[in-house]
Amino acid sequence: MSNEELEKEIVNIKERNKKVELDKKWETSLTRKICICILTYIVVVIYSYIVRNYDNILLSSLVPVIGFTLSTLSLRYIRKIWEKNIRDRN
């Protein structure tokens, strides 16, 4: 390998490490945890209101699935804001 190739490889590794570190910070962030709790709570309240007249275990079992799915879909936007704030601090 030439010196240029080694330097490119090192730069690639450093960039990948930055992404991995940011992912780790996000996964353990208080912001993420609070957002998941709030979004799941909102979904449970709305869903419970909609199905309050039904006594069906299959319908009730959808609550965690819907909450998790919506939180993961909407957290993408919250993460972008969070990442911008993290980068601005550094």
PDB file of N, CA and C in Angstrom:
ATOM      1  N   MET A   1       0.833  -1.185   0.000  1.00  0.00           N
ATOM      2  CA  MET A   1       0.000   0.000   0.000  1.00  0.00           C
ATOM      3  C   MET A   1       0.878   1.250   0.000  1.00  0.00           C
ATOM      4  N   SER A   2       0.443   2.227  -0.745  1.00  0.00           N
ATOM      5  CA  SER A   2       1.182   3.486  -0.788  1.00  0.00           C
ATOM      6  C   SER A   2       0.792   4.356   0.409  1.00  0.00           C
ATOM      7  N   ASN A   3       1.578   5.379   0.630  1.00  0.00           N
ATOM      8  CA  ASN A   3       1.287   6.307   1.731  1.00  0.00           C
ATOM      9  C   ASN A   3      -0.059   6.998   1.535  1.00  0.00           C
ATOM     10  N   GLU A   4      -0.384   7.352   0.303  1.00  0.00           N
ATOM     11  CA  GLU A   4      -1.679   7.987   0.018  1.00  0.00           C
ATOM     12  C   GLU A   4      -2.838   7.074   0.373  1.00  0.00           C
ATOM     13  N   GLU A   5      -2.709   5.811   0.006  1.00  0.00           N
ATOM     14  CA  GLU A   5      -3.768   4.837   0.315  1.00  0.00           C
ATOM     15  C   GLU A   5      -3.914   4.666   1.824  1.00  0.00           C
ATOM     16  N   LEU A   6      -2.799   4.613   2.521  1.00  0.00           N
ATOM     17  CA  LEU A   6      -2.844   4.480   3.979  1.00  0.00           C
ATOM     18  C   LEU A   6      -3.484   5.707   4.620  1.00  0.00           C
ATOM     19  N   GLU A   7      -3.143   6.873   4.124  1.00  0.00           N
ATOM     20  CA  GLU A   7      -3.734   8.100   4.660  1.00  0.00           C
ATOM     21  C   GLU A   7      -5.239   8.145   4.416  1.00  0.00           C
ATOM     22  N   LYS A   8      -5.672   7.744   3.225  1.00  0.00           N
ATOM     23  CA  LYS A   8      -7.114   7.695   2.921  1.00  0.00           C
ATOM     24  C   LYS A   8      -7.820   6.708   3.841  1.00  0.00           C
ATOM     25  N   GLU A   9      -7.182   5.566   4.061  1.00  0.00           N
ATOM     26  CA  GLU A   9      -7.753   4.548   4.935  1.00  0.00           C
ATOM     27  C   GLU A   9      -7.888   5.070   6.360  1.00  0.00           C
ATOM     28  N   ILE A  10      -6.893   5.770   6.823  1.00  0.00           N
ATOM     29  CA  ILE A  10      -6.934   6.342   8.171  1.00  0.00           C
ATOM     30  C   ILE A  10      -8.051   7.382   8.279  1.00  0.00           C
ATOM     31  N   VAL A  11      -8.164   8.231   7.271  1.00  0.00           N
ATOM     32  CA  VAL A  11      -9.232   9.238   7.259  1.00  0.00           C
ATOM     33  C   VAL A  11     -10.601   8.558   7.277  1.00  0.00           C
ATOM     34  N   ASN A  12     -10.766   7.506   6.477  1.00  0.00           N
ATOM     35  CA  ASN A  12     -12.036   6.759   6.452  1.00  0.00           C
ATOM     36  C   ASN A  12     -12.349   6.149   7.816  1.00  0.00           C
ATOM     37  N   ILE A  13     -11.344   5.594   8.453  1.00  0.00           N
ATOM     38  CA  ILE A  13     -11.545   4.982   9.775  1.00  0.00           C
ATOM     39  C   ILE A  13     -11.941   6.048  10.788  1.00  0.00           C
ATOM     40  N   LYS A  14     -11.290   7.199  10.748  1.00  0.00           N
ATOM     41  CA  LYS A  14     -11.615   8.280  11.683  1.00  0.00           C
ATOM     42  C   LYS A  14     -13.044   8.781  11.466  1.00  0.00           C
ATOM     43  N   GLU A  15     -13.459   8.910  10.223  1.00  0.00           N
ATOM     44  CA  GLU A  15     -14.830   9.342   9.933  1.00  0.00           C
ATOM     45  C   GLU A  15     -15.846   8.320  10.426  1.00  0.00           C
ATOM     46  N   ARG A  16     -15.553   7.061  10.199  1.00  0.00           N
ATOM     47  CA  ARG A  16     -16.452   6.004  10.665  1.00  0.00           C
ATOM     48  C   ARG A  16     -16.530   6.005  12.197  1.00  0.00           C
ATOM     49  N   ASN A  17     -15.399   6.203  12.843  1.00  0.00           N
ATOM     50  CA  ASN A  17     -15.388   6.245  14.302  1.00  0.00           C
ATOM     51  C   ASN A  17     -16.227   7.398  14.838  1.00  0.00           C
ATOM     52  N   LYS A  18     -16.190   8.552  14.168  1.00  0.00           N
ATOM     53  CA  LYS A  18     -17.017   9.687  14.584  1.00  0.00           C
ATOM     54  C   LYS A  18     -18.496   9.342  14.489  1.00  0.00           C
ATOM     55  N   LYS A  19     -18.885   8.661  13.415  1.00  0.00           N
ATOM     56  CA  LYS A  19     -20.285   8.258  13.249  1.00  0.00           C
ATOM     57  C   LYS A  19     -20.703   7.269  14.332  1.00  0.00           C
ATOM     58  N   VAL A  20     -19.824   6.314  14.632  1.00  0.00           N
ATOM     59  CA  VAL A  20     -20.123   5.311  15.652  1.00  0.00           C
ATOM     60  C   VAL A  20     -20.255   5.980  17.027  1.00  0.00           C
ATOM     61  N   GLU A  21     -19.367   6.919  17.317  1.00  0.00           N
ATOM     62  CA  GLU A  21     -19.432   7.631  18.593  1.00  0.00           C
ATOM     63  C   GLU A  21     -20.719   8.443  18.707  1.00  0.00           C
ATOM     64  N   LEU A  22     -21.129   9.073  17.618  1.00  0.00           N
ATOM     65  CA  LEU A  22     -22.375   9.840  17.621  1.00  0.00           C
ATOM     66  C   LEU A  22     -23.577   8.916  17.809  1.00  0.00           C
ATOM     67  N   ASP A  23     -23.563   7.758  17.152  1.00  0.00           N
ATOM     68  CA  ASP A  23     -24.635   6.773  17.330  1.00  0.00           C
ATOM     69  C   ASP A  23     -24.729   6.325  18.784  1.00  0.00           C
ATOM     70  N   LYS A  24     -23.583   6.080  19.388  1.00  0.00           N
ATOM     71  CA  LYS A  24     -23.554   5.635  20.783  1.00  0.00           C
ATOM     72  C   LYS A  24     -24.091   6.727  21.706  1.00  0.00           C
ATOM     73  N   LYS A  25     -23.698   7.977  21.460  1.00  0.00           N
ATOM     74  CA  LYS A  25     -24.203   9.086  22.270  1.00  0.00           C
ATOM     75  C   LYS A  25     -25.712   9.195  22.144  1.00  0.00           C
ATOM     76  N   TRP A  26     -26.221   9.045  20.921  1.00  0.00           N
ATOM     77  CA  TRP A  26     -27.667   9.139  20.694  1.00  0.00           C
ATOM     78  C   TRP A  26     -28.405   8.019  21.418  1.00  0.00           C
ATOM     79  N   GLU A  27     -27.915   6.806  21.295  1.00  0.00           N
ATOM     80  CA  GLU A  27     -28.594   5.655  21.897  1.00  0.00           C
ATOM     81  C   GLU A  27     -28.686   5.776  23.414  1.00  0.00           C
ATOM     82  N   THR A  28     -27.739   6.446  24.032  1.00  0.00           N
ATOM     83  CA  THR A  28     -27.737   6.567  25.491  1.00  0.00           C
ATOM     84  C   THR A  28     -28.194   7.943  25.967  1.00  0.00           C
ATOM     85  N   SER A  29     -28.619   8.796  25.046  1.00  0.00           N
ATOM     86  CA  SER A  29     -28.976  10.172  25.420  1.00  0.00           C
ATOM     87  C   SER A  29     -30.298  10.234  26.171  1.00  0.00           C
ATOM     88  N   LEU A  30     -30.360  11.184  27.064  1.00  0.00           N
ATOM     89  CA  LEU A  30     -31.579  11.429  27.812  1.00  0.00           C
ATOM     90  C   LEU A  30     -32.683  11.945  26.886  1.00  0.00           C
ATOM     91  N   THR A  31     -32.293  12.718  25.890  1.00  0.00           N
ATOM     92  CA  THR A  31     -33.251  13.245  24.914  1.00  0.00           C
ATOM     93  C   THR A  31     -34.014  12.111  24.247  1.00  0.00           C
ATOM     94  N   ARG A  32     -33.303  11.098  23.787  1.00  0.00           N
ATOM     95  CA  ARG A  32     -33.930   9.948  23.113  1.00  0.00           C
ATOM     96  C   ARG A  32     -34.881   9.227  24.052  1.00  0.00           C
ATOM     97  N   LYS A  33     -34.427   8.983  25.279  1.00  0.00           N
ATOM     98  CA  LYS A  33     -35.244   8.246  26.247  1.00  0.00           C
ATOM     99  C   LYS A  33     -36.534   8.993  26.578  1.00  0.00           C
ATOM    100  N   ILE A  34     -36.407  10.296  26.783  1.00  0.00           N
ATOM    101  CA  ILE A  34     -37.591  11.099  27.103  1.00  0.00           C
ATOM    102  C   ILE A  34     -38.553  11.127  25.925  1.00  0.00           C
ATOM    103  N   CYS A  35     -38.033  11.292  24.725  1.00  0.00           N
ATOM    104  CA  CYS A  35     -38.897  11.319  23.534  1.00  0.00           C
ATOM    105  C   CYS A  35     -39.638  10.002  23.350  1.00  0.00           C
ATOM    106  N   ILE A  36     -38.964   8.901  23.554  1.00  0.00           N
ATOM    107  CA  ILE A  36     -39.624   7.598  23.434  1.00  0.00           C
ATOM    108  C   ILE A  36     -40.746   7.481  24.467  1.00  0.00           C
ATOM    109  N   CYS A  37     -40.478   7.902  25.698  1.00  0.00           N
ATOM    110  CA  CYS A  37     -41.510   7.837  26.737  1.00  0.00           C
ATOM    111  C   CYS A  37     -42.717   8.696  26.373  1.00  0.00           C
ATOM    112  N   ILE A  38     -42.461   9.925  25.959  1.00  0.00           N
ATOM    113  CA  ILE A  38     -43.550  10.844  25.631  1.00  0.00           C
ATOM    114  C   ILE A  38     -44.354  10.333  24.443  1.00  0.00           C
ATOM    115  N   LEU A  39     -43.668   9.933  23.383  1.00  0.00           N
ATOM    116  CA  LEU A  39     -44.380   9.454  22.193  1.00  0.00           C
ATOM    117  C   LEU A  39     -45.173   8.179  22.480  1.00  0.00           C
ATOM    118  N   THR A  40     -44.590   7.277  23.260  1.00  0.00           N
ATOM    119  CA  THR A  40     -45.304   6.047  23.602  1.00  0.00           C
ATOM    120  C   THR A  40     -46.535   6.366  24.449  1.00  0.00           C
ATOM    121  N   TYR A  41     -46.380   7.285  25.390  1.00  0.00           N
ATOM    122  CA  TYR A  41     -47.514   7.678  26.222  1.00  0.00           C
ATOM    123  C   TYR A  41     -48.645   8.268  25.375  1.00  0.00           C
ATOM    124  N   ILE A  42     -48.298   9.146  24.454  1.00  0.00           N
ATOM    125  CA  ILE A  42     -49.301   9.761  23.584  1.00  0.00           C
ATOM    126  C   ILE A  42     -50.028   8.690  22.767  1.00  0.00           C
ATOM    127  N   VAL A  43     -49.267   7.757  22.224  1.00  0.00           N
ATOM    128  CA  VAL A  43     -49.876   6.676  21.440  1.00  0.00           C
ATOM    129  C   VAL A  43     -50.803   5.839  22.311  1.00  0.00           C
ATOM    130  N   VAL A  44     -50.381   5.517  23.521  1.00  0.00           N
ATOM    131  CA  VAL A  44     -51.217   4.699  24.411  1.00  0.00           C
ATOM    132  C   VAL A  44     -52.511   5.428  24.756  1.00  0.00           C
ATOM    133  N   VAL A  45     -52.420   6.718  25.037  1.00  0.00           N
ATOM    134  CA  VAL A  45     -53.624   7.485  25.379  1.00  0.00           C
ATOM    135  C   VAL A  45     -54.594   7.517  24.196  1.00  0.00           C
ATOM    136  N   ILE A  46     -54.081   7.856  23.033  1.00  0.00           N
ATOM    137  CA  ILE A  46     -54.946   7.933  21.845  1.00  0.00           C
ATOM    138  C   ILE A  46     -55.535   6.565  21.518  1.00  0.00           C
ATOM    139  N   TYR A  47     -54.683   5.546  21.520  1.00  0.00           N
ATOM    140  CA  TYR A  47     -55.143   4.196  21.187  1.00  0.00           C
ATOM    141  C   TYR A  47     -56.166   3.708  22.211  1.00  0.00           C
ATOM    142  N   SER A  48     -55.914   3.954  23.493  1.00  0.00           N
ATOM    143  CA  SER A  48     -56.843   3.519  24.539  1.00  0.00           C
ATOM    144  C   SER A  48     -58.195   4.205  24.391  1.00  0.00           C
ATOM    145  N   TYR A  49     -58.153   5.472  24.011  1.00  0.00           N
ATOM    146  CA  TYR A  49     -59.390   6.206  23.792  1.00  0.00           C
ATOM    147  C   TYR A  49     -60.180   5.604  22.629  1.00  0.00           C
ATOM    148  N   ILE A  50     -59.472   5.226  21.570  1.00  0.00           N
ATOM    149  CA  ILE A  50     -60.131   4.674  20.385  1.00  0.00           C
ATOM    150  C   ILE A  50     -60.738   3.307  20.667  1.00  0.00           C
ATOM    151  N   VAL A  51     -60.026   2.449  21.380  1.00  0.00           N
ATOM    152  CA  VAL A  51     -60.490   1.069  21.574  1.00  0.00           C
ATOM    153  C   VAL A  51     -61.079   0.835  22.969  1.00  0.00           C
ATOM    154  N   ARG A  52     -61.482   1.877  23.650  1.00  0.00           N
ATOM    155  CA  ARG A  52     -61.971   1.741  25.031  1.00  0.00           C
ATOM    156  C   ARG A  52     -63.216   0.867  25.148  1.00  0.00           C
ATOM    157  N   ASN A  53     -63.970   0.731  24.093  1.00  0.00           N
ATOM    158  CA  ASN A  53     -65.195  -0.075  24.162  1.00  0.00           C
ATOM    159  C   ASN A  53     -64.976  -1.531  23.748  1.00  0.00           C
ATOM    160  N   TYR A  54     -63.749  -1.874  23.438  1.00  0.00           N
ATOM    161  CA  TYR A  54     -63.458  -3.238  23.004  1.00  0.00           C
ATOM    162  C   TYR A  54     -62.636  -3.950  24.064  1.00  0.00           C
ATOM    163  N   ASP A  55     -62.948  -5.220  24.257  1.00  0.00           N
ATOM    164  CA  ASP A  55     -62.182  -6.035  25.201  1.00  0.00           C
ATOM    165  C   ASP A  55     -61.519  -7.156  24.398  1.00  0.00           C
ATOM    166  N   ASN A  56     -60.506  -6.784  23.648  1.00  0.00           N
ATOM    167  CA  ASN A  56     -59.856  -7.727  22.739  1.00  0.00           C
ATOM    168  C   ASN A  56     -58.350  -7.682  22.975  1.00  0.00           C
ATOM    169  N   ILE A  57     -57.783  -8.809  23.367  1.00  0.00           N
ATOM    170  CA  ILE A  57     -56.350  -8.876  23.672  1.00  0.00           C
ATOM    171  C   ILE A  57     -55.494  -8.582  22.439  1.00  0.00           C
ATOM    172  N   LEU A  58     -55.993  -8.950  21.260  1.00  0.00           N
ATOM    173  CA  LEU A  58     -55.222  -8.689  20.041  1.00  0.00           C
ATOM    174  C   LEU A  58     -55.119  -7.189  19.771  1.00  0.00           C
ATOM    175  N   LEU A  59     -56.185  -6.453  20.010  1.00  0.00           N
ATOM    176  CA  LEU A  59     -56.147  -4.999  19.847  1.00  0.00           C
ATOM    177  C   LEU A  59     -55.236  -4.368  20.900  1.00  0.00           C
ATOM    178  N   SER A  60     -55.340  -4.843  22.136  1.00  0.00           N
ATOM    179  CA  SER A  60     -54.504  -4.301  23.208  1.00  0.00           C
ATOM    180  C   SER A  60     -53.026  -4.567  22.968  1.00  0.00           C
ATOM    181  N   SER A  61     -52.719  -5.678  22.345  1.00  0.00           N
ATOM    182  CA  SER A  61     -51.325  -6.041  22.084  1.00  0.00           C
ATOM    183  C   SER A  61     -50.671  -5.150  21.040  1.00  0.00           C
ATOM    184  N   LEU A  62     -51.473  -4.431  20.279  1.00  0.00           N
ATOM    185  CA  LEU A  62     -50.919  -3.537  19.269  1.00  0.00           C
ATOM    186  C   LEU A  62     -50.291  -2.273  19.861  1.00  0.00           C
ATOM    187  N   VAL A  63     -50.651  -1.943  21.100  1.00  0.00           N
ATOM    188  CA  VAL A  63     -50.177  -0.699  21.701  1.00  0.00           C
ATOM    189  C   VAL A  63     -48.656  -0.588  21.688  1.00  0.00           C
ATOM    190  N   PRO A  64     -47.918  -1.567  22.226  1.00  0.00           N
ATOM    191  CA  PRO A  64     -46.450  -1.412  22.210  1.00  0.00           C
ATOM    192  C   PRO A  64     -45.866  -1.385  20.798  1.00  0.00           C
ATOM    193  N   VAL A  65     -46.455  -2.138  19.913  1.00  0.00           N
ATOM    194  CA  VAL A  65     -45.960  -2.177  18.535  1.00  0.00           C
ATOM    195  C   VAL A  65     -46.143  -0.817  17.866  1.00  0.00           C
ATOM    196  N   ILE A  66     -47.313  -0.254  18.001  1.00  0.00           N
ATOM    197  CA  ILE A  66     -47.590   1.051  17.398  1.00  0.00           C
ATOM    198  C   ILE A  66     -46.713   2.127  18.034  1.00  0.00           C
ATOM    199  N   GLY A  67     -46.595   2.098  19.358  1.00  0.00           N
ATOM    200  CA  GLY A  67     -45.774   3.083  20.060  1.00  0.00           C
ATOM    201  C   GLY A  67     -44.320   3.021  19.632  1.00  0.00           C
ATOM    202  N   PHE A  68     -43.783   1.821  19.571  1.00  0.00           N
ATOM    203  CA  PHE A  68     -42.388   1.656  19.164  1.00  0.00           C
ATOM    204  C   PHE A  68     -42.181   2.117  17.720  1.00  0.00           C
ATOM    205  N   THR A  69     -43.073   1.695  16.833  1.00  0.00           N
ATOM    206  CA  THR A  69     -42.937   2.047  15.417  1.00  0.00           C
ATOM    207  C   THR A  69     -43.001   3.561  15.212  1.00  0.00           C
ATOM    208  N   LEU A  70     -43.975   4.206  15.808  1.00  0.00           N
ATOM    209  CA  LEU A  70     -44.098   5.656  15.650  1.00  0.00           C
ATOM    210  C   LEU A  70     -42.918   6.397  16.274  1.00  0.00           C
ATOM    211  N   SER A  71     -42.438   5.902  17.408  1.00  0.00           N
ATOM    212  CA  SER A  71     -41.310   6.590  18.043  1.00  0.00           C
ATOM    213  C   SER A  71     -40.044   6.451  17.205  1.00  0.00           C
ATOM    214  N   THR A  72     -39.825   5.295  16.610  1.00  0.00           N
ATOM    215  CA  THR A  72     -38.624   5.142  15.791  1.00  0.00           C
ATOM    216  C   THR A  72     -38.717   5.953  14.510  1.00  0.00           C
ATOM    217  N   LEU A  73     -39.918   6.063  13.946  1.00  0.00           N
ATOM    218  CA  LEU A  73     -40.074   6.854  12.727  1.00  0.00           C
ATOM    219  C   LEU A  73     -39.918   8.344  13.003  1.00  0.00           C
ATOM    220  N   SER A  74     -40.493   8.814  14.089  1.00  0.00           N
ATOM    221  CA  SER A  74     -40.445  10.244  14.369  1.00  0.00           C
ATOM    222  C   SER A  74     -39.139  10.665  15.028  1.00  0.00           C
ATOM    223  N   LEU A  75     -38.436   9.743  15.653  1.00  0.00           N
ATOM    224  CA  LEU A  75     -37.176  10.096  16.310  1.00  0.00           C
ATOM    225  C   LEU A  75     -36.101  10.488  15.303  1.00  0.00           C
ATOM    226  N   ARG A  76     -36.247  10.134  14.071  1.00  0.00           N
ATOM    227  CA  ARG A  76     -35.277  10.504  13.035  1.00  0.00           C
ATOM    228  C   ARG A  76     -35.143  12.025  12.969  1.00  0.00           C
ATOM    229  N   TYR A  77     -36.269  12.718  13.054  1.00  0.00           N
ATOM    230  CA  TYR A  77     -36.259  14.183  12.970  1.00  0.00           C
ATOM    231  C   TYR A  77     -35.701  14.799  14.255  1.00  0.00           C
ATOM    232  N   ILE A  78     -36.066  14.221  15.370  1.00  0.00           N
ATOM    233  CA  ILE A  78     -35.554  14.709  16.645  1.00  0.00           C
ATOM    234  C   ILE A  78     -34.051  14.486  16.721  1.00  0.00           C
ATOM    235  N   ARG A  79     -33.576  13.358  16.189  1.00  0.00           N
ATOM    236  CA  ARG A  79     -32.142  13.077  16.204  1.00  0.00           C
ATOM    237  C   ARG A  79     -31.375  14.103  15.375  1.00  0.00           C
ATOM    238  N   LYS A  80     -31.917  14.513  14.242  1.00  0.00           N
ATOM    239  CA  LYS A  80     -31.236  15.516  13.417  1.00  0.00           C
ATOM    240  C   LYS A  80     -31.032  16.811  14.197  1.00  0.00           C
ATOM    241  N   ILE A  81     -32.053  17.228  14.909  1.00  0.00           N
ATOM    242  CA  ILE A  81     -31.946  18.434  15.731  1.00  0.00           C
ATOM    243  C   ILE A  81     -30.911  18.223  16.832  1.00  0.00           C
ATOM    244  N   TRP A  82     -30.960  17.058  17.478  1.00  0.00           N
ATOM    245  CA  TRP A  82     -30.024  16.724  18.552  1.00  0.00           C
ATOM    246  C   TRP A  82     -28.589  16.725  18.034  1.00  0.00           C
ATOM    247  N   GLU A  83     -28.361  16.099  16.874  1.00  0.00           N
ATOM    248  CA  GLU A  83     -27.015  16.050  16.295  1.00  0.00           C
ATOM    249  C   GLU A  83     -26.507  17.455  15.975  1.00  0.00           C
ATOM    250  N   LYS A  84     -27.383  18.304  15.460  1.00  0.00           N
ATOM    251  CA  LYS A  84     -26.980  19.677  15.152  1.00  0.00           C
ATOM    252  C   LYS A  84     -26.537  20.395  16.422  1.00  0.00           C
ATOM    253  N   ASN A  85     -27.282  20.201  17.507  1.00  0.00           N
ATOM    254  CA  ASN A  85     -26.899  20.821  18.782  1.00  0.00           C
ATOM    255  C   ASN A  85     -25.583  20.268  19.308  1.00  0.00           C
ATOM    256  N   ILE A  86     -25.352  18.986  19.133  1.00  0.00           N
ATOM    257  CA  ILE A  86     -24.096  18.368  19.582  1.00  0.00           C
ATOM    258  C   ILE A  86     -22.931  18.948  18.783  1.00  0.00           C
ATOM    259  N   ARG A  87     -23.097  19.052  17.479  1.00  0.00           N
ATOM    260  CA  ARG A  87     -22.028  19.584  16.627  1.00  0.00           C
ATOM    261  C   ARG A  87     -21.756  21.060  16.932  1.00  0.00           C
ATOM    262  N   ASP A  88     -22.820  21.806  17.215  1.00  0.00           N
ATOM    263  CA  ASP A  88     -22.642  23.224  17.527  1.00  0.00           C
ATOM    264  C   ASP A  88     -21.867  23.430  18.835  1.00  0.00           C
ATOM    265  N   ARG A  89     -22.006  22.499  19.757  1.00  0.00           N
ATOM    266  CA  ARG A  89     -21.279  22.610  21.032  1.00  0.00           C
ATOM    267  C   ARG A  89     -19.803  22.298  20.875  1.00  0.00           C
ATOM    268  N   ASN A  90     -19.483  21.473  19.870  1.00  0.00           N
ATOM    269  CA  ASN A  90     -18.066  21.070  19.702  1.00  0.00           C
ATOM    270  C   ASN A  90     -17.302  21.999  18.842  1.00  0.00           C
TER     271      ASN A  90
END
